[in-house]
Protein backbone atom coordinates (compact mmCIF):
# COMPACT_ATOMS: atom_id res chain seq x y z
CA UNK A 1 -0.12 0.29 -0.01
CA UNK A 2 1.05 3.67 -1.02
CA UNK A 3 1.08 6.23 1.61
CA UNK A 4 -1.66 7.95 -0.96
CA UNK A 5 -3.55 4.86 -0.15
CA UNK A 6 -3.63 4.30 3.30
CA UNK A 7 -4.29 8.53 3.61
CA UNK A 8 -7.50 7.79 2.00
CA UNK A 9 -8.63 4.94 3.78
CA UNK A 10 -7.82 6.81 6.94
CA UNK A 11 -10.14 10.12 5.34
CA UNK A 12 -13.10 7.79 4.11
CA UNK A 13 -12.69 6.22 8.12
CA UNK A 14 -13.05 9.26 9.46
CA UNK A 15 -15.59 10.58 7.36
CA UNK A 16 -18.00 7.43 8.08
CA UNK A 17 -16.89 7.94 12.41
CA UNK A 18 -17.84 11.88 11.73
CA UNK A 19 -21.21 10.76 9.67
CA UNK A 20 -22.45 8.67 11.82
CA UNK A 21 -22.37 10.88 14.87
CA UNK A 22 -23.97 13.51 13.06
CA UNK A 23 -27.13 11.10 12.67
CA UNK A 24 -26.95 10.11 16.19
CA UNK A 25 -27.34 13.92 17.17
CA UNK A 26 -30.49 14.40 14.73
CA UNK A 27 -32.32 11.65 16.01
CA UNK A 28 -31.91 12.81 19.49
CA UNK A 29 -33.69 16.17 18.69
CA UNK A 30 -37.20 16.15 19.91
CA UNK A 31 -39.85 19.08 19.78
CA UNK A 32 -38.07 20.96 17.33
CA UNK A 33 -40.33 23.79 16.95
CA UNK A 34 -41.18 26.58 14.31
CA UNK A 35 -40.62 29.74 16.73
CA UNK A 36 -38.56 32.57 16.11
CA UNK A 37 -36.22 31.09 18.61
CA UNK A 38 -35.16 28.42 16.48
CA UNK A 39 -31.56 29.82 16.53
CA UNK A 40 -31.54 28.15 19.80
CA UNK A 41 -31.46 24.60 21.13
CA UNK A 42 -35.45 23.89 21.81
CA UNK A 43 -36.27 20.33 23.61
CA UNK A 44 -32.95 18.57 22.81
CA UNK A 45 -31.91 16.09 24.65
CA UNK A 46 -28.21 17.05 24.70
CA UNK A 47 -26.68 15.14 27.56
CA UNK A 48 -29.76 13.84 29.76
CA UNK A 49 -32.57 15.89 28.23
CA UNK A 50 -35.96 14.72 27.03
CA UNK A 51 -35.84 12.34 24.97
CA UNK A 52 -33.00 9.76 26.81
CA UNK A 53 -34.59 9.41 29.85
CA UNK A 54 -31.33 10.60 31.69
CA UNK A 55 -31.47 12.42 34.65
CA UNK A 56 -34.90 12.18 35.35
CA UNK A 57 -35.51 14.74 32.66
CA UNK A 58 -38.02 11.76 30.61
CA UNK A 59 -41.42 13.80 29.56
CA UNK A 60 -41.47 14.24 25.80
CA UNK A 61 -42.17 17.67 24.43
CA UNK A 62 -44.97 18.67 22.85
CA UNK A 63 -44.69 20.33 18.99
CA UNK A 64 -44.33 23.97 20.24
CA UNK A 65 -47.87 25.73 19.54
CA UNK A 66 -48.92 28.72 17.24
CA UNK A 67 -45.44 29.34 16.83
CA UNK A 68 -45.25 30.76 20.26
CA UNK A 69 -41.32 32.59 21.27
CA UNK A 70 -40.26 33.34 24.37
CA UNK A 71 -38.88 36.49 23.26
CA UNK A 72 -41.81 37.24 21.80
CA UNK A 73 -44.42 40.22 23.04
CA UNK A 74 -46.85 38.19 24.10
CA UNK A 75 -45.34 36.52 26.29
CA UNK A 76 -45.14 37.21 29.91
CA UNK A 77 -42.07 37.05 31.53
CA UNK A 78 -42.32 38.80 34.28
CA UNK A 79 -45.09 37.47 36.43
CA UNK A 80 -42.91 34.76 38.01
CA UNK A 81 -39.32 34.85 39.82
CA UNK A 82 -36.48 33.01 37.26
CA UNK A 83 -35.36 29.88 39.37
CA UNK A 84 -31.67 29.71 40.09
CA UNK A 85 -29.11 27.43 39.59
CA UNK A 86 -25.59 26.29 40.80
CA UNK A 87 -22.13 26.43 39.05
CA UNK A 88 -22.06 23.85 36.31
CA UNK A 89 -25.70 22.35 37.89
CA UNK A 90 -29.25 22.13 36.24
CA UNK A 91 -30.33 20.19 40.28
CA UNK A 92 -33.31 22.85 41.35
CA UNK A 93 -32.23 22.96 45.28
CA UNK A 94 -34.83 22.78 47.41
CA UNK A 95 -34.45 27.43 48.44
CA UNK A 96 -35.92 27.35 45.07
CA UNK A 97 -38.18 24.66 44.81
CA UNK A 98 -40.46 27.16 46.41
CA UNK A 99 -40.46 29.09 43.03
CA UNK A 100 -41.28 25.79 41.06
CA UNK A 101 -44.55 25.33 43.59
CA UNK A 102 -45.73 28.97 42.66
CA UNK A 103 -45.45 28.80 39.05
CA UNK A 104 -47.46 25.35 39.72
CA UNK A 105 -50.06 26.51 41.96
CA UNK A 106 -51.05 29.44 39.68
CA UNK A 107 -50.89 27.26 35.80
CA UNK A 108 -53.20 25.17 37.27
CA UNK A 109 -55.95 27.37 37.28
CA UNK A 110 -55.75 28.81 33.93
CA UNK A 111 -54.95 27.22 30.62
CA UNK A 112 -52.02 29.28 29.68
CA UNK A 113 -49.47 27.67 28.02
CA UNK A 114 -45.87 28.02 29.32
CA UNK A 115 -42.04 28.41 27.84
CA UNK A 116 -39.61 27.92 30.30
CA UNK A 117 -36.22 29.08 29.14
CA UNK A 118 -32.64 28.21 30.46
CA UNK A 119 -29.60 30.24 31.13
CA UNK A 120 -25.91 30.70 31.56
CA UNK A 121 -23.12 32.39 32.92
CA UNK A 122 -20.19 33.25 30.32
CA UNK A 123 -18.44 30.78 31.36
CA UNK A 124 -17.89 27.87 28.61
CA UNK A 125 -18.54 27.03 24.93
CA UNK A 126 -21.42 28.12 23.11
CA UNK A 127 -22.02 24.59 22.95
CA UNK A 128 -21.80 23.57 26.16
CA UNK A 129 -24.12 26.45 27.84
CA UNK A 130 -26.90 26.06 25.30
CA UNK A 131 -26.90 22.23 26.28
CA UNK A 132 -26.47 23.35 30.56
CA UNK A 133 -29.82 25.86 29.78
CA UNK A 134 -32.13 23.50 27.96
CA UNK A 135 -31.03 21.11 31.03
CA UNK A 136 -32.13 23.70 33.46
CA UNK A 137 -34.87 24.32 31.46
CA UNK A 138 -35.95 20.47 32.13
CA UNK A 139 -35.30 20.34 34.95
CA UNK A 140 -37.64 23.60 35.97
CA UNK A 141 -40.50 21.74 33.24
CA UNK A 142 -39.94 17.76 34.96
CA UNK A 143 -40.50 19.91 38.64
CA UNK A 144 -43.48 21.45 36.88
CA UNK A 145 -44.81 18.27 35.92
CA UNK A 146 -44.78 16.50 38.82
CA UNK A 147 -46.22 19.05 40.95
CA UNK A 148 -49.24 18.02 38.67
CA UNK A 149 -49.21 20.33 35.66
CA UNK A 150 -49.58 19.04 32.11
CA UNK A 151 -46.61 18.24 30.22
CA UNK A 152 -48.29 19.40 27.17
CA UNK A 153 -48.37 23.05 28.60
CA UNK A 154 -44.98 23.51 28.64
CA UNK A 155 -42.35 24.56 26.07
CA UNK A 156 -38.57 24.61 26.64
CA UNK A 157 -35.81 26.92 25.15
CA UNK A 158 -31.90 27.63 25.88
CA UNK A 159 -30.54 30.85 25.11
CA UNK A 160 -27.11 29.60 27.12
CA UNK A 161 -25.26 32.72 28.01
CA UNK A 162 -27.32 35.15 25.86
CA UNK A 163 -29.03 37.75 27.28
CA UNK A 164 -26.98 38.14 30.84
CA UNK A 165 -29.42 39.82 33.80
CA UNK A 166 -26.07 41.15 34.81
CA UNK A 167 -23.05 41.62 31.81
CA UNK A 168 -20.21 41.42 34.71
CA UNK A 169 -17.42 38.97 34.81
CA UNK A 170 -17.42 37.99 38.72
CA UNK A 171 -19.31 35.70 40.95
CA UNK A 172 -22.23 38.01 41.83
CA UNK A 173 -22.84 38.26 37.63
CA UNK A 174 -22.61 34.46 36.99
CA UNK A 175 -24.73 33.58 40.12
CA UNK A 176 -27.86 36.06 38.86
CA UNK A 177 -26.89 34.67 35.20
CA UNK A 178 -27.37 31.13 36.06
CA UNK A 179 -31.52 30.67 35.73
CA UNK A 180 -34.25 29.80 34.28
CA UNK A 181 -36.79 31.90 33.24
CA UNK A 182 -40.94 31.45 33.06
CA UNK A 183 -42.81 32.83 30.08
CA UNK A 184 -46.64 32.43 30.17
CA UNK A 185 -48.09 32.77 26.87
CA UNK A 186 -51.87 33.10 26.31
């Protein structure tokens, strides 16, 4: 075998592995919507999300309703306090559970739908932060479902480090930016 033949064989093997990896990532996507948030990860299963059941986040997402978008002016984002998270965590802490309980109780008496947006601080890659933001939104969604809210009324979206509450680069700002926010759609 010549060096050229070996190089071609290695290149073809690398392409086959790459193609398989991309194919399996595409298969993991669930609930991709048509809203204007489509530049962001919506309802994906990056590292333990909606479709694979890892980490207790196994309730499938409903289809995005009517093009609803977390960024839309018809979505009320001021009604509930955001759920805050620890560094590199998507666990809803006991201290933050009361916020989830408040949202669940308020939503049970309405027919409104909810979009939960996950955010991170600026540290980490864009891809990692969007995945972590999605896991945070999914964790809050599952906490609401465990309180009796129908999963069909709750969507998720991740903005990662986009749209920080505090743009400073220090511990205080980073703590504020690690959050999941609620948006109520009518």
